[in-house]
N, C-alpha and C. Protein backbone atom coordinates (compact mmCIF):
# COMPACT_ATOMS: atom_id res chain seq x y z
N UNK A 1 181.95 67.35 113.75
CA UNK A 1 181.87 66.20 114.59
C UNK A 1 180.57 65.48 114.31
N UNK A 2 180.70 64.21 114.11
CA UNK A 2 179.53 63.37 113.81
C UNK A 2 179.07 62.68 115.06
N UNK A 3 177.77 62.49 115.12
CA UNK A 3 177.18 61.81 116.28
C UNK A 3 176.92 60.36 115.90
N UNK A 4 177.37 59.49 116.75
CA UNK A 4 177.17 58.06 116.52
C UNK A 4 175.71 57.73 116.84
N UNK A 5 174.95 57.15 115.89
CA UNK A 5 173.54 56.87 116.13
C UNK A 5 173.31 55.85 117.23
N UNK A 6 174.20 54.91 117.38
CA UNK A 6 174.03 53.91 118.43
C UNK A 6 174.21 54.56 119.79
N UNK A 7 175.20 55.43 119.89
CA UNK A 7 175.43 56.12 121.15
C UNK A 7 174.25 57.03 121.49
N UNK A 8 173.68 57.72 120.49
CA UNK A 8 172.52 58.59 120.71
C UNK A 8 171.31 57.77 121.16
N UNK A 9 171.12 56.60 120.60
CA UNK A 9 169.99 55.74 120.98
C UNK A 9 170.15 55.25 122.42
N UNK A 10 171.38 55.02 122.85
CA UNK A 10 171.59 54.56 124.22
C UNK A 10 171.47 55.70 125.24
N UNK A 11 171.85 56.91 124.86
CA UNK A 11 171.80 58.04 125.79
C UNK A 11 170.40 58.66 125.90
N UNK A 12 169.58 58.50 124.89
CA UNK A 12 168.26 59.12 124.89
C UNK A 12 167.39 58.69 126.08
N UNK A 13 167.27 57.40 126.41
CA UNK A 13 166.47 57.03 127.58
C UNK A 13 167.04 57.59 128.88
N UNK A 14 168.33 57.68 128.98
CA UNK A 14 168.94 58.20 130.20
C UNK A 14 168.63 59.68 130.36
N UNK A 15 168.72 60.42 129.24
CA UNK A 15 168.44 61.85 129.31
C UNK A 15 166.96 62.13 129.58
N UNK A 16 166.07 61.34 129.00
CA UNK A 16 164.63 61.54 129.20
C UNK A 16 164.20 61.16 130.61
N UNK A 17 164.86 60.23 131.22
CA UNK A 17 164.47 59.84 132.58
C UNK A 17 164.75 60.96 133.57
N UNK A 18 165.60 61.88 133.22
CA UNK A 18 165.89 63.00 134.10
C UNK A 18 164.70 63.95 134.19
N UNK A 19 163.83 63.95 133.17
CA UNK A 19 162.65 64.82 133.17
C UNK A 19 161.53 64.26 134.05
N UNK A 20 161.52 63.00 134.30
CA UNK A 20 160.46 62.38 135.09
C UNK A 20 160.71 62.65 136.56
N UNK A 21 159.63 63.00 137.27
CA UNK A 21 159.77 63.27 138.70
C UNK A 21 159.07 62.20 139.51
N UNK A 22 159.04 62.42 140.80
CA UNK A 22 158.38 61.47 141.69
C UNK A 22 156.87 61.66 141.60
N UNK A 23 156.09 60.59 141.54
CA UNK A 23 154.65 60.64 141.42
C UNK A 23 153.99 61.11 142.71
N UNK A 24 154.66 61.00 143.85
CA UNK A 24 154.06 61.36 145.13
C UNK A 24 153.96 62.86 145.32
N UNK A 25 154.62 63.66 144.56
CA UNK A 25 154.64 65.10 144.77
C UNK A 25 153.43 65.81 144.18
N UNK A 26 152.58 65.14 143.45
CA UNK A 26 151.44 65.79 142.80
C UNK A 26 150.19 65.62 143.64
N UNK A 27 149.29 66.62 143.62
CA UNK A 27 148.06 66.50 144.41
C UNK A 27 147.09 65.50 143.77
N UNK A 28 146.22 64.96 144.57
CA UNK A 28 145.22 64.01 144.10
C UNK A 28 144.13 64.77 143.33
N UNK A 29 143.56 64.11 142.35
CA UNK A 29 142.46 64.70 141.59
C UNK A 29 141.09 64.26 142.12
N UNK A 30 141.07 63.59 143.25
CA UNK A 30 139.81 63.15 143.85
C UNK A 30 139.05 64.36 144.40
N UNK A 31 137.73 64.21 144.56
CA UNK A 31 136.90 65.29 145.10
C UNK A 31 137.26 65.52 146.56
N UNK A 32 137.51 66.78 146.89
CA UNK A 32 137.85 67.14 148.27
C UNK A 32 136.58 67.41 149.06
N UNK A 33 136.62 67.36 150.36
CA UNK A 33 135.42 67.60 151.17
C UNK A 33 134.79 68.98 150.91
N UNK A 34 135.58 69.97 150.66
CA UNK A 34 135.04 71.32 150.42
C UNK A 34 134.29 71.40 149.09
N UNK A 35 134.55 70.46 148.20
CA UNK A 35 133.89 70.47 146.90
C UNK A 35 132.55 69.74 146.92
N UNK A 36 132.24 69.11 147.98
CA UNK A 36 130.95 68.39 148.08
C UNK A 36 129.86 69.38 148.48
N UNK A 37 128.71 69.26 147.81
CA UNK A 37 127.61 70.18 148.10
C UNK A 37 126.77 69.63 149.24
N UNK A 38 126.39 70.52 150.11
CA UNK A 38 125.52 70.12 151.21
C UNK A 38 124.31 71.05 151.22
N UNK A 39 123.29 70.66 151.90
CA UNK A 39 122.09 71.48 152.01
C UNK A 39 121.01 71.02 151.05
N UNK A 40 119.93 71.79 150.99
CA UNK A 40 118.81 71.45 150.12
C UNK A 40 118.50 72.63 149.22
N UNK A 41 118.04 72.29 148.03
CA UNK A 41 117.63 73.31 147.07
C UNK A 41 116.13 73.21 146.89
N UNK A 42 115.47 74.31 147.07
CA UNK A 42 114.02 74.35 146.89
C UNK A 42 113.73 75.15 145.62
N UNK A 43 113.07 74.54 144.66
CA UNK A 43 112.79 75.28 143.43
C UNK A 43 111.80 76.41 143.69
N UNK A 44 111.90 77.47 142.96
CA UNK A 44 110.96 78.58 143.16
C UNK A 44 109.56 78.16 142.70
N UNK A 45 108.53 78.81 143.19
CA UNK A 45 107.17 78.45 142.77
C UNK A 45 106.99 78.74 141.27
N UNK A 46 106.15 77.96 140.64
CA UNK A 46 105.90 78.13 139.20
C UNK A 46 105.23 79.49 138.96
N UNK A 47 105.62 80.11 137.86
CA UNK A 47 105.05 81.41 137.50
C UNK A 47 103.67 81.21 136.90
N UNK A 48 102.70 81.88 137.45
CA UNK A 48 101.34 81.84 136.91
C UNK A 48 101.07 83.23 136.33
N UNK A 49 101.01 83.31 135.00
CA UNK A 49 100.83 84.63 134.39
C UNK A 49 99.44 85.19 134.67
N UNK A 50 99.34 86.49 134.84
CA UNK A 50 98.02 87.09 135.05
C UNK A 50 97.22 87.07 133.75
N UNK A 51 95.92 87.11 133.90
CA UNK A 51 95.04 87.15 132.72
C UNK A 51 95.20 88.50 132.03
N UNK A 52 95.01 88.52 130.72
CA UNK A 52 95.06 89.81 130.03
C UNK A 52 93.94 90.74 130.55
N UNK A 53 94.13 92.00 130.35
CA UNK A 53 93.14 92.98 130.79
C UNK A 53 91.81 92.74 130.08
N UNK A 54 90.73 93.12 130.74
CA UNK A 54 89.40 92.91 130.15
C UNK A 54 89.25 93.71 128.86
N UNK A 55 89.89 94.86 128.77
CA UNK A 55 89.82 95.64 127.53
C UNK A 55 90.53 94.91 126.39
N UNK A 56 91.62 94.23 126.73
CA UNK A 56 92.33 93.45 125.71
C UNK A 56 91.46 92.31 125.21
N UNK A 57 90.79 91.63 126.13
CA UNK A 57 89.93 90.52 125.73
C UNK A 57 88.73 91.01 124.93
N UNK A 58 88.19 92.18 125.30
CA UNK A 58 87.07 92.74 124.55
C UNK A 58 87.51 93.11 123.13
N UNK A 59 88.69 93.72 123.02
CA UNK A 59 89.23 94.06 121.70
C UNK A 59 89.48 92.80 120.89
N UNK A 60 89.97 91.77 121.56
CA UNK A 60 90.24 90.50 120.88
C UNK A 60 88.97 89.91 120.29
N UNK A 61 87.91 89.89 121.07
CA UNK A 61 86.65 89.34 120.57
C UNK A 61 86.08 90.17 119.43
N UNK A 62 86.19 91.49 119.52
CA UNK A 62 85.70 92.35 118.44
C UNK A 62 86.50 92.12 117.16
N UNK A 63 87.81 92.00 117.29
CA UNK A 63 88.65 91.76 116.12
C UNK A 63 88.39 90.38 115.52
N UNK A 64 88.17 89.39 116.38
CA UNK A 64 87.86 88.05 115.88
C UNK A 64 86.55 88.05 115.11
N UNK A 65 85.55 88.75 115.63
CA UNK A 65 84.25 88.85 114.94
C UNK A 65 84.42 89.56 113.60
N UNK A 66 85.24 90.60 113.58
CA UNK A 66 85.50 91.33 112.33
C UNK A 66 86.19 90.42 111.31
N UNK A 67 87.13 89.61 111.77
CA UNK A 67 87.84 88.69 110.86
C UNK A 67 86.89 87.62 110.33
N UNK A 68 86.03 87.10 111.20
CA UNK A 68 85.07 86.08 110.75
C UNK A 68 84.10 86.66 109.72
N UNK A 69 83.65 87.88 109.97
CA UNK A 69 82.74 88.55 109.03
C UNK A 69 83.43 88.80 107.69
N UNK A 70 84.68 89.25 107.74
CA UNK A 70 85.43 89.49 106.51
C UNK A 70 85.66 88.18 105.76
N UNK A 71 85.88 87.09 106.49
CA UNK A 71 86.08 85.80 105.84
C UNK A 71 84.78 85.31 105.18
N UNK A 72 83.66 85.54 105.85
CA UNK A 72 82.37 85.16 105.26
C UNK A 72 82.14 85.94 103.96
N UNK A 73 82.47 87.24 103.97
CA UNK A 73 82.33 88.04 102.75
C UNK A 73 83.29 87.54 101.68
N UNK A 74 84.49 87.15 102.07
CA UNK A 74 85.46 86.62 101.12
C UNK A 74 84.93 85.33 100.50
N UNK A 75 84.36 84.47 101.32
CA UNK A 75 83.84 83.19 100.82
C UNK A 75 82.73 83.42 99.80
N UNK A 76 81.84 84.37 100.08
CA UNK A 76 80.77 84.70 99.13
C UNK A 76 81.35 85.22 97.83
N UNK A 77 82.32 86.12 97.94
CA UNK A 77 82.93 86.69 96.74
C UNK A 77 83.78 85.66 96.01
N UNK A 78 84.36 84.71 96.75
CA UNK A 78 85.19 83.68 96.12
C UNK A 78 84.36 82.80 95.20
N UNK A 79 83.13 82.49 95.59
CA UNK A 79 82.26 81.67 94.73
C UNK A 79 81.97 82.40 93.42
N UNK A 80 81.70 83.69 93.52
CA UNK A 80 81.43 84.50 92.33
C UNK A 80 82.70 84.60 91.46
N UNK A 81 83.84 84.85 92.09
CA UNK A 81 85.08 84.99 91.34
C UNK A 81 85.49 83.68 90.69
N UNK A 82 85.25 82.58 91.37
CA UNK A 82 85.61 81.27 90.81
C UNK A 82 84.83 81.00 89.53
N UNK A 83 83.54 81.31 89.54
CA UNK A 83 82.74 81.12 88.32
C UNK A 83 83.28 81.98 87.18
N UNK A 84 83.65 83.21 87.48
CA UNK A 84 84.16 84.12 86.45
C UNK A 84 85.50 83.64 85.91
N UNK A 85 86.39 83.21 86.81
CA UNK A 85 87.73 82.76 86.39
C UNK A 85 87.64 81.46 85.61
N UNK A 86 86.79 80.54 86.04
CA UNK A 86 86.63 79.26 85.34
C UNK A 86 86.08 79.49 83.94
N UNK A 87 85.18 80.45 83.81
CA UNK A 87 84.61 80.75 82.49
C UNK A 87 85.67 81.32 81.54
N UNK A 88 86.69 81.94 82.10
CA UNK A 88 87.72 82.57 81.26
C UNK A 88 88.97 81.71 81.13
N UNK A 89 88.98 80.47 81.58
CA UNK A 89 90.17 79.61 81.49
C UNK A 89 90.64 79.51 80.05
N UNK A 90 91.91 79.65 79.87
CA UNK A 90 92.51 79.53 78.54
C UNK A 90 92.54 80.84 77.77
N UNK A 91 91.78 81.83 78.20
CA UNK A 91 91.77 83.12 77.49
C UNK A 91 92.99 83.93 77.90
N UNK A 92 93.63 84.55 76.93
CA UNK A 92 94.79 85.40 77.22
C UNK A 92 94.49 86.87 77.00
N UNK A 93 93.34 87.16 76.47
CA UNK A 93 92.91 88.54 76.27
C UNK A 93 91.41 88.52 76.02
N UNK A 94 90.83 89.69 75.93
CA UNK A 94 89.41 89.78 75.65
C UNK A 94 88.61 90.09 76.90
N UNK A 95 87.29 90.15 76.70
CA UNK A 95 86.37 90.52 77.76
C UNK A 95 86.36 89.52 78.92
N UNK A 96 86.34 88.23 78.61
CA UNK A 96 86.30 87.20 79.67
C UNK A 96 87.58 87.24 80.51
N UNK A 97 88.71 87.40 79.85
CA UNK A 97 89.99 87.48 80.58
C UNK A 97 90.01 88.69 81.49
N UNK A 98 89.52 89.85 80.99
CA UNK A 98 89.51 91.08 81.78
C UNK A 98 88.60 90.92 83.00
N UNK A 99 87.44 90.29 82.81
CA UNK A 99 86.53 90.07 83.94
C UNK A 99 87.18 89.15 84.98
N UNK A 100 87.88 88.13 84.52
CA UNK A 100 88.56 87.20 85.43
C UNK A 100 89.63 87.92 86.23
N UNK A 101 90.40 88.77 85.60
CA UNK A 101 91.45 89.52 86.30
C UNK A 101 90.85 90.47 87.34
N UNK A 102 89.76 91.13 86.97
CA UNK A 102 89.09 92.03 87.91
C UNK A 102 88.53 91.23 89.09
N UNK A 103 87.97 90.06 88.82
CA UNK A 103 87.42 89.22 89.88
C UNK A 103 88.52 88.77 90.84
N UNK A 104 89.67 88.39 90.29
CA UNK A 104 90.79 87.97 91.16
C UNK A 104 91.31 89.13 91.98
N UNK A 105 91.39 90.31 91.38
CA UNK A 105 91.86 91.49 92.11
C UNK A 105 90.87 91.87 93.22
N UNK A 106 89.59 91.77 92.93
CA UNK A 106 88.57 92.07 93.95
C UNK A 106 88.66 91.07 95.10
N UNK A 107 88.92 89.83 94.76
CA UNK A 107 89.05 88.81 95.79
C UNK A 107 90.29 89.04 96.65
N UNK A 108 91.36 89.48 96.02
CA UNK A 108 92.57 89.80 96.79
C UNK A 108 92.31 90.98 97.73
N UNK A 109 91.52 91.94 97.27
CA UNK A 109 91.17 93.08 98.14
C UNK A 109 90.29 92.61 99.29
N UNK A 110 89.39 91.66 99.02
CA UNK A 110 88.54 91.13 100.09
C UNK A 110 89.39 90.39 101.11
N UNK A 111 90.47 89.76 100.67
CA UNK A 111 91.37 89.06 101.59
C UNK A 111 92.01 90.04 102.56
N UNK A 112 92.32 91.23 102.09
CA UNK A 112 92.97 92.21 102.97
C UNK A 112 92.07 92.62 104.12
N UNK A 113 90.76 92.49 103.95
CA UNK A 113 89.84 92.84 105.04
C UNK A 113 89.93 91.81 106.17
N UNK A 114 90.47 90.63 105.90
CA UNK A 114 90.72 89.65 106.95
C UNK A 114 92.09 89.90 107.59
N UNK A 115 93.02 90.39 106.80
CA UNK A 115 94.38 90.59 107.31
C UNK A 115 94.50 91.77 108.27
N UNK A 116 93.62 92.76 108.13
CA UNK A 116 93.69 93.92 109.04
C UNK A 116 93.41 93.49 110.48
N UNK A 117 92.30 92.77 110.75
CA UNK A 117 92.12 92.30 112.14
C UNK A 117 93.20 91.31 112.58
N UNK A 118 93.71 90.52 111.64
CA UNK A 118 94.79 89.59 111.99
C UNK A 118 96.01 90.35 112.51
N UNK A 119 96.36 91.43 111.86
CA UNK A 119 97.51 92.23 112.30
C UNK A 119 97.25 92.84 113.68
N UNK A 120 96.02 93.27 113.92
CA UNK A 120 95.70 93.85 115.23
C UNK A 120 95.72 92.79 116.33
N UNK A 121 95.25 91.58 116.01
CA UNK A 121 95.29 90.49 116.99
C UNK A 121 96.73 90.12 117.28
N UNK A 122 97.55 90.11 116.25
CA UNK A 122 98.98 89.82 116.43
C UNK A 122 99.61 90.86 117.36
N UNK A 123 99.22 92.11 117.19
CA UNK A 123 99.76 93.19 118.04
C UNK A 123 99.33 92.98 119.49
N UNK A 124 98.06 92.60 119.70
CA UNK A 124 97.59 92.32 121.07
C UNK A 124 98.39 91.17 121.68
N UNK A 125 98.67 90.15 120.88
CA UNK A 125 99.44 89.00 121.36
C UNK A 125 100.85 89.42 121.79
N UNK A 126 101.49 90.23 120.97
CA UNK A 126 102.85 90.69 121.28
C UNK A 126 102.84 91.54 122.56
N UNK A 127 101.87 92.44 122.67
CA UNK A 127 101.80 93.29 123.86
C UNK A 127 101.57 92.46 125.12
N UNK A 128 100.67 91.48 125.03
CA UNK A 128 100.41 90.62 126.21
C UNK A 128 101.63 89.78 126.54
N UNK A 129 102.32 89.32 125.52
CA UNK A 129 103.54 88.53 125.75
C UNK A 129 104.61 89.37 126.44
N UNK A 130 104.77 90.60 125.99
CA UNK A 130 105.76 91.49 126.60
C UNK A 130 105.39 91.84 128.04
N UNK A 131 104.09 91.86 128.34
CA UNK A 131 103.64 92.17 129.70
C UNK A 131 103.64 90.94 130.60
N UNK A 132 103.94 89.76 130.04
CA UNK A 132 103.98 88.54 130.83
C UNK A 132 102.60 87.99 131.16
N UNK A 133 101.61 88.34 130.35
CA UNK A 133 100.24 87.90 130.61
C UNK A 133 99.99 86.51 130.00
N UNK A 134 98.90 85.90 130.42
CA UNK A 134 98.50 84.59 129.91
C UNK A 134 98.14 84.72 128.42
N UNK A 135 98.69 83.85 127.61
CA UNK A 135 98.52 83.96 126.16
C UNK A 135 97.57 82.92 125.57
N UNK A 136 97.00 82.06 126.39
CA UNK A 136 96.20 80.95 125.85
C UNK A 136 95.05 81.43 124.98
N UNK A 137 94.22 82.33 125.48
CA UNK A 137 93.07 82.80 124.71
C UNK A 137 93.53 83.56 123.47
N UNK A 138 94.52 84.41 123.64
CA UNK A 138 95.04 85.18 122.50
C UNK A 138 95.61 84.25 121.43
N UNK A 139 96.33 83.24 121.86
CA UNK A 139 96.94 82.31 120.90
C UNK A 139 95.87 81.52 120.15
N UNK A 140 94.79 81.15 120.84
CA UNK A 140 93.73 80.39 120.18
C UNK A 140 93.04 81.24 119.11
N UNK A 141 92.74 82.48 119.43
CA UNK A 141 92.08 83.35 118.45
C UNK A 141 93.04 83.68 117.31
N UNK A 142 94.29 83.92 117.65
CA UNK A 142 95.29 84.20 116.61
C UNK A 142 95.40 83.02 115.64
N UNK A 143 95.46 81.82 116.16
CA UNK A 143 95.54 80.63 115.30
C UNK A 143 94.30 80.48 114.44
N UNK A 144 93.14 80.77 115.01
CA UNK A 144 91.89 80.68 114.24
C UNK A 144 91.89 81.66 113.06
N UNK A 145 92.27 82.90 113.32
CA UNK A 145 92.26 83.91 112.26
C UNK A 145 93.38 83.64 111.25
N UNK A 146 94.52 83.13 111.71
CA UNK A 146 95.58 82.75 110.77
C UNK A 146 95.10 81.63 109.85
N UNK A 147 94.32 80.71 110.38
CA UNK A 147 93.77 79.62 109.56
C UNK A 147 92.80 80.17 108.51
N UNK A 148 92.00 81.17 108.87
CA UNK A 148 91.10 81.80 107.90
C UNK A 148 91.91 82.45 106.78
N UNK A 149 92.98 83.17 107.15
CA UNK A 149 93.82 83.83 106.15
C UNK A 149 94.52 82.80 105.27
N UNK A 150 94.95 81.69 105.85
CA UNK A 150 95.61 80.64 105.06
C UNK A 150 94.63 80.02 104.07
N UNK A 151 93.39 79.84 104.49
CA UNK A 151 92.38 79.31 103.58
C UNK A 151 92.15 80.27 102.41
N UNK A 152 92.11 81.56 102.71
CA UNK A 152 91.95 82.56 101.65
C UNK A 152 93.14 82.56 100.71
N UNK A 153 94.33 82.37 101.26
CA UNK A 153 95.53 82.26 100.41
C UNK A 153 95.41 81.09 99.46
N UNK A 154 94.91 79.96 99.95
CA UNK A 154 94.75 78.77 99.09
C UNK A 154 93.77 79.02 97.96
N UNK A 155 92.67 79.71 98.28
CA UNK A 155 91.67 80.01 97.25
C UNK A 155 92.29 80.90 96.18
N UNK A 156 93.01 81.93 96.60
CA UNK A 156 93.65 82.81 95.63
C UNK A 156 94.70 82.08 94.79
N UNK A 157 95.45 81.20 95.41
CA UNK A 157 96.46 80.43 94.68
C UNK A 157 95.80 79.50 93.67
N UNK A 158 94.68 78.90 94.05
CA UNK A 158 93.97 78.01 93.12
C UNK A 158 93.44 78.79 91.92
N UNK A 159 92.97 80.00 92.16
CA UNK A 159 92.45 80.81 91.05
C UNK A 159 93.56 81.32 90.14
N UNK A 160 94.77 81.43 90.66
CA UNK A 160 95.89 81.94 89.85
C UNK A 160 96.41 80.87 88.90
N UNK A 161 96.06 79.63 89.08
CA UNK A 161 96.55 78.55 88.20
C UNK A 161 95.82 78.52 86.90
């Protein structure tokens, strides 16, 4: 049996209209009175972190002094190493090249004397952060010592060229 397309086109709207219902039977999507918020919200007081322990601050200052001293020693050794490396530029072997390599290695070892206090300061920062203590002083000293280490990295990179 074949279906007449004209008859199907005429019956389709009639059949589909049977699926449509009355619009009045559906609930409104407007906000109901129970959904409205009433009352006042008071924000909690701002958290003021306690200062780090005095022993932590004393350790911080000692480590910062140690890092500054190590950086001063690095700076002195960097001037000596720079003269040695510059004198050996272009050499691929021989006495001058060997002295330059030893000077660079000594300078890298001097850099590690700055990194040891940096690691300890970083540990103090992490411990204070985990304890919820004020980090301002720790962060300032940490940034200072990180800047010293970054400067030493630049000097070593310049000598490696």
